[in-house]
Amino acid sequence: MSDALIVIALLLTGLTATAAALTRDPGRQAAVLALLGLCLAVLFTVLQAPDVALSQLGVGSAVTPLLILLTVRRVRREERSDDRPDRTE
């Protein structure tokens, strides 16, 4: 039974990693990366590494996607402000 769980977790991780690599929009990619972090946490739990799974859950599923979303938001805001004409007269 445990071998089947390992294979399922590996396949799920491989599928989400492929989806993350093929996603073009950074906002959607952050969501897929959060899902990938969750799949990796499940894989580590199945492989009996709960401490690594907890670290992955915190960093890979929460912090990294949040930083990506904040960066995308800031870049888009700066792009919009660059499009405005200067009001210096």
N, C-alpha and C. Protein backbone atom coordinates (compact mmCIF):
# COMPACT_ATOMS: atom_id res chain seq x y z
N MET A 1 0.82 -1.20 0.00
CA MET A 1 0.00 0.00 0.00
C MET A 1 0.86 1.26 0.00
N SER A 2 1.96 1.26 0.75
CA SER A 2 2.78 2.47 0.82
C SER A 2 3.48 2.74 -0.51
N ASP A 3 3.82 1.68 -1.25
CA ASP A 3 4.43 1.88 -2.57
C ASP A 3 3.45 2.57 -3.52
N ALA A 4 2.19 2.20 -3.43
CA ALA A 4 1.17 2.82 -4.28
C ALA A 4 1.01 4.29 -3.93
N LEU A 5 1.05 4.63 -2.64
CA LEU A 5 0.95 6.03 -2.22
C LEU A 5 2.14 6.85 -2.71
N ILE A 6 3.31 6.26 -2.67
CA ILE A 6 4.51 6.95 -3.15
C ILE A 6 4.41 7.21 -4.65
N VAL A 7 3.96 6.22 -5.40
CA VAL A 7 3.82 6.39 -6.85
C VAL A 7 2.78 7.46 -7.17
N ILE A 8 1.64 7.43 -6.46
CA ILE A 8 0.61 8.45 -6.69
C ILE A 8 1.12 9.83 -6.36
N ALA A 9 1.83 9.97 -5.22
CA ALA A 9 2.37 11.27 -4.83
C ALA A 9 3.42 11.76 -5.83
N LEU A 10 4.25 10.86 -6.33
CA LEU A 10 5.25 11.23 -7.33
C LEU A 10 4.59 11.68 -8.64
N LEU A 11 3.58 10.96 -9.08
CA LEU A 11 2.88 11.34 -10.31
C LEU A 11 2.18 12.68 -10.16
N LEU A 12 1.55 12.89 -9.02
CA LEU A 12 0.87 14.16 -8.77
C LEU A 12 1.86 15.32 -8.73
N THR A 13 3.00 15.08 -8.11
CA THR A 13 4.04 16.11 -8.06
C THR A 13 4.59 16.39 -9.45
N GLY A 14 4.80 15.35 -10.23
CA GLY A 14 5.29 15.54 -11.60
C GLY A 14 4.31 16.30 -12.47
N LEU A 15 3.03 16.01 -12.31
CA LEU A 15 2.01 16.71 -13.09
C LEU A 15 1.92 18.19 -12.71
N THR A 16 1.95 18.47 -11.42
CA THR A 16 1.87 19.88 -11.01
C THR A 16 3.14 20.64 -11.35
N ALA A 17 4.29 19.97 -11.31
CA ALA A 17 5.54 20.63 -11.72
C ALA A 17 5.52 20.95 -13.21
N THR A 18 4.99 20.04 -14.00
CA THR A 18 4.86 20.30 -15.44
C THR A 18 3.89 21.44 -15.70
N ALA A 19 2.79 21.46 -14.97
CA ALA A 19 1.82 22.55 -15.13
C ALA A 19 2.43 23.89 -14.74
N ALA A 20 3.25 23.90 -13.68
CA ALA A 20 3.91 25.14 -13.26
C ALA A 20 4.89 25.62 -14.32
N ALA A 21 5.59 24.69 -14.94
CA ALA A 21 6.56 25.07 -15.97
C ALA A 21 5.88 25.57 -17.24
N LEU A 22 4.68 25.08 -17.52
CA LEU A 22 4.00 25.46 -18.75
C LEU A 22 3.07 26.66 -18.60
N THR A 23 2.85 27.10 -17.37
CA THR A 23 1.98 28.25 -17.13
C THR A 23 2.73 29.53 -17.47
N ARG A 24 2.12 30.39 -18.27
CA ARG A 24 2.80 31.59 -18.76
C ARG A 24 2.51 32.82 -17.90
N ASP A 25 1.29 32.96 -17.39
CA ASP A 25 0.91 34.12 -16.61
C ASP A 25 1.49 34.02 -15.19
N PRO A 26 2.24 35.03 -14.74
CA PRO A 26 2.87 34.94 -13.42
C PRO A 26 1.88 34.81 -12.27
N GLY A 27 0.73 35.42 -12.37
CA GLY A 27 -0.27 35.29 -11.32
C GLY A 27 -0.78 33.87 -11.19
N ARG A 28 -1.09 33.28 -12.32
CA ARG A 28 -1.54 31.88 -12.31
C ARG A 28 -0.40 30.95 -11.93
N GLN A 29 0.79 31.30 -12.33
CA GLN A 29 1.94 30.46 -12.00
C GLN A 29 2.17 30.43 -10.49
N ALA A 30 1.92 31.53 -9.80
CA ALA A 30 2.05 31.55 -8.35
C ALA A 30 1.05 30.59 -7.70
N ALA A 31 -0.17 30.55 -8.23
CA ALA A 31 -1.17 29.63 -7.70
C ALA A 31 -0.77 28.18 -7.95
N VAL A 32 -0.24 27.91 -9.13
CA VAL A 32 0.19 26.54 -9.45
C VAL A 32 1.40 26.17 -8.61
N LEU A 33 2.29 27.13 -8.34
CA LEU A 33 3.44 26.85 -7.47
C LEU A 33 2.99 26.54 -6.04
N ALA A 34 1.94 27.21 -5.58
CA ALA A 34 1.40 26.89 -4.26
C ALA A 34 0.87 25.46 -4.23
N LEU A 35 0.20 25.06 -5.30
CA LEU A 35 -0.29 23.69 -5.40
C LEU A 35 0.87 22.70 -5.48
N LEU A 36 1.92 23.07 -6.20
CA LEU A 36 3.11 22.22 -6.27
C LEU A 36 3.75 22.06 -4.89
N GLY A 37 3.82 23.15 -4.13
CA GLY A 37 4.35 23.07 -2.78
C GLY A 37 3.53 22.14 -1.90
N LEU A 38 2.22 22.18 -2.08
CA LEU A 38 1.35 21.28 -1.32
C LEU A 38 1.59 19.83 -1.72
N CYS A 39 1.73 19.57 -3.01
CA CYS A 39 1.99 18.20 -3.48
C CYS A 39 3.34 17.69 -2.96
N LEU A 40 4.33 18.57 -2.95
CA LEU A 40 5.63 18.16 -2.42
C LEU A 40 5.55 17.87 -0.93
N ALA A 41 4.76 18.66 -0.21
CA ALA A 41 4.59 18.40 1.23
C ALA A 41 3.93 17.05 1.46
N VAL A 42 2.95 16.71 0.62
CA VAL A 42 2.31 15.39 0.72
C VAL A 42 3.32 14.29 0.40
N LEU A 43 4.13 14.51 -0.63
CA LEU A 43 5.15 13.51 -1.00
C LEU A 43 6.14 13.29 0.14
N PHE A 44 6.59 14.38 0.75
CA PHE A 44 7.52 14.24 1.87
C PHE A 44 6.87 13.54 3.06
N THR A 45 5.59 13.78 3.27
CA THR A 45 4.89 13.10 4.35
C THR A 45 4.79 11.61 4.07
N VAL A 46 4.49 11.26 2.83
CA VAL A 46 4.40 9.84 2.45
C VAL A 46 5.77 9.18 2.59
N LEU A 47 6.82 9.93 2.30
CA LEU A 47 8.18 9.39 2.43
C LEU A 47 8.71 9.46 3.86
N GLN A 48 7.83 9.77 4.80
CA GLN A 48 8.13 9.80 6.23
C GLN A 48 9.19 10.83 6.59
N ALA A 49 9.04 12.02 6.04
CA ALA A 49 9.90 13.15 6.39
C ALA A 49 9.01 14.33 6.80
N PRO A 50 8.37 14.22 7.98
CA PRO A 50 7.40 15.25 8.36
C PRO A 50 8.01 16.63 8.60
N ASP A 51 9.26 16.69 9.07
CA ASP A 51 9.89 18.00 9.29
C ASP A 51 10.14 18.72 7.97
N VAL A 52 10.57 17.99 6.97
CA VAL A 52 10.76 18.57 5.64
C VAL A 52 9.42 18.96 5.05
N ALA A 53 8.39 18.15 5.28
CA ALA A 53 7.06 18.44 4.76
C ALA A 53 6.51 19.73 5.36
N LEU A 54 6.73 19.94 6.65
CA LEU A 54 6.26 21.18 7.28
C LEU A 54 7.01 22.39 6.74
N SER A 55 8.30 22.25 6.53
CA SER A 55 9.06 23.36 5.94
C SER A 55 8.58 23.66 4.53
N GLN A 56 8.35 22.63 3.76
CA GLN A 56 7.85 22.80 2.39
C GLN A 56 6.47 23.43 2.40
N LEU A 57 5.65 23.03 3.32
CA LEU A 57 4.31 23.59 3.42
C LEU A 57 4.35 25.08 3.70
N GLY A 58 5.24 25.49 4.60
CA GLY A 58 5.33 26.90 4.93
C GLY A 58 5.98 27.73 3.85
N VAL A 59 7.11 27.27 3.36
CA VAL A 59 7.87 28.06 2.39
C VAL A 59 7.33 27.88 0.97
N GLY A 60 7.16 26.64 0.54
CA GLY A 60 6.78 26.37 -0.84
C GLY A 60 5.32 26.64 -1.15
N SER A 61 4.45 26.51 -0.15
CA SER A 61 3.02 26.69 -0.41
C SER A 61 2.52 28.07 -0.02
N ALA A 62 3.26 28.78 0.82
CA ALA A 62 2.76 30.07 1.29
C ALA A 62 3.68 31.23 0.96
N VAL A 63 4.92 31.17 1.40
CA VAL A 63 5.81 32.32 1.31
C VAL A 63 6.22 32.61 -0.14
N THR A 64 6.67 31.61 -0.85
CA THR A 64 7.15 31.83 -2.22
C THR A 64 6.04 32.33 -3.15
N PRO A 65 4.85 31.70 -3.18
CA PRO A 65 3.80 32.26 -4.04
C PRO A 65 3.38 33.67 -3.62
N LEU A 66 3.39 33.96 -2.31
CA LEU A 66 3.05 35.29 -1.86
C LEU A 66 4.06 36.32 -2.35
N LEU A 67 5.33 35.99 -2.27
CA LEU A 67 6.36 36.91 -2.77
C LEU A 67 6.24 37.12 -4.28
N ILE A 68 5.92 36.07 -5.01
CA ILE A 68 5.74 36.20 -6.46
C ILE A 68 4.55 37.11 -6.76
N LEU A 69 3.43 36.92 -6.06
CA LEU A 69 2.26 37.76 -6.29
C LEU A 69 2.53 39.22 -5.95
N LEU A 70 3.25 39.46 -4.86
CA LEU A 70 3.58 40.84 -4.49
C LEU A 70 4.50 41.48 -5.52
N THR A 71 5.44 40.71 -6.04
CA THR A 71 6.35 41.24 -7.05
C THR A 71 5.61 41.55 -8.35
N VAL A 72 4.74 40.65 -8.77
CA VAL A 72 3.96 40.88 -9.99
C VAL A 72 3.09 42.12 -9.82
N ARG A 73 2.48 42.27 -8.66
CA ARG A 73 1.64 43.44 -8.41
C ARG A 73 2.45 44.73 -8.50
N ARG A 74 3.63 44.72 -7.92
CA ARG A 74 4.45 45.92 -7.94
C ARG A 74 4.94 46.25 -9.36
N VAL A 75 5.35 45.24 -10.09
CA VAL A 75 5.82 45.46 -11.46
C VAL A 75 4.68 46.01 -12.32
N ARG A 76 3.50 45.44 -12.18
CA ARG A 76 2.36 45.94 -12.97
C ARG A 76 1.99 47.36 -12.58
N ARG A 77 2.10 47.69 -11.30
CA ARG A 77 1.81 49.05 -10.86
C ARG A 77 2.83 50.02 -11.43
N GLU A 78 4.09 49.63 -11.45
CA GLU A 78 5.13 50.51 -12.00
C GLU A 78 4.97 50.66 -13.51
N GLU A 79 4.54 49.61 -14.19
CA GLU A 79 4.31 49.71 -15.63
C GLU A 79 3.18 50.69 -15.91
N ARG A 80 2.14 50.67 -15.08
CA ARG A 80 1.04 51.60 -15.27
C ARG A 80 1.47 53.04 -15.00
N SER A 81 2.32 53.24 -14.00
CA SER A 81 2.76 54.59 -13.70
C SER A 81 3.73 55.11 -14.76
N ASP A 82 4.45 54.22 -15.43
CA ASP A 82 5.35 54.65 -16.51
C ASP A 82 4.57 55.07 -17.75
N ASP A 83 3.35 54.57 -17.92
CA ASP A 83 2.54 54.92 -19.08
C ASP A 83 1.90 56.30 -18.97
N ARG A 84 1.84 56.84 -17.75
CA ARG A 84 1.23 58.15 -17.56
C ARG A 84 2.18 59.26 -18.03
N PRO A 85 1.63 60.28 -18.64
CA PRO A 85 2.50 61.40 -19.04
C PRO A 85 2.92 62.22 -17.83
N ASP A 86 4.11 62.81 -17.91
CA ASP A 86 4.61 63.65 -16.83
C ASP A 86 3.80 64.94 -16.77
N ARG A 87 3.56 65.40 -15.56
CA ARG A 87 2.79 66.63 -15.39
C ARG A 87 3.68 67.81 -15.04
N THR A 88 4.89 67.76 -15.43
CA THR A 88 5.79 68.89 -15.16
C THR A 88 5.57 69.95 -16.22
N GLU A 89 5.30 71.16 -15.76
CA GLU A 89 5.04 72.25 -16.70
C GLU A 89 5.95 73.39 -16.43
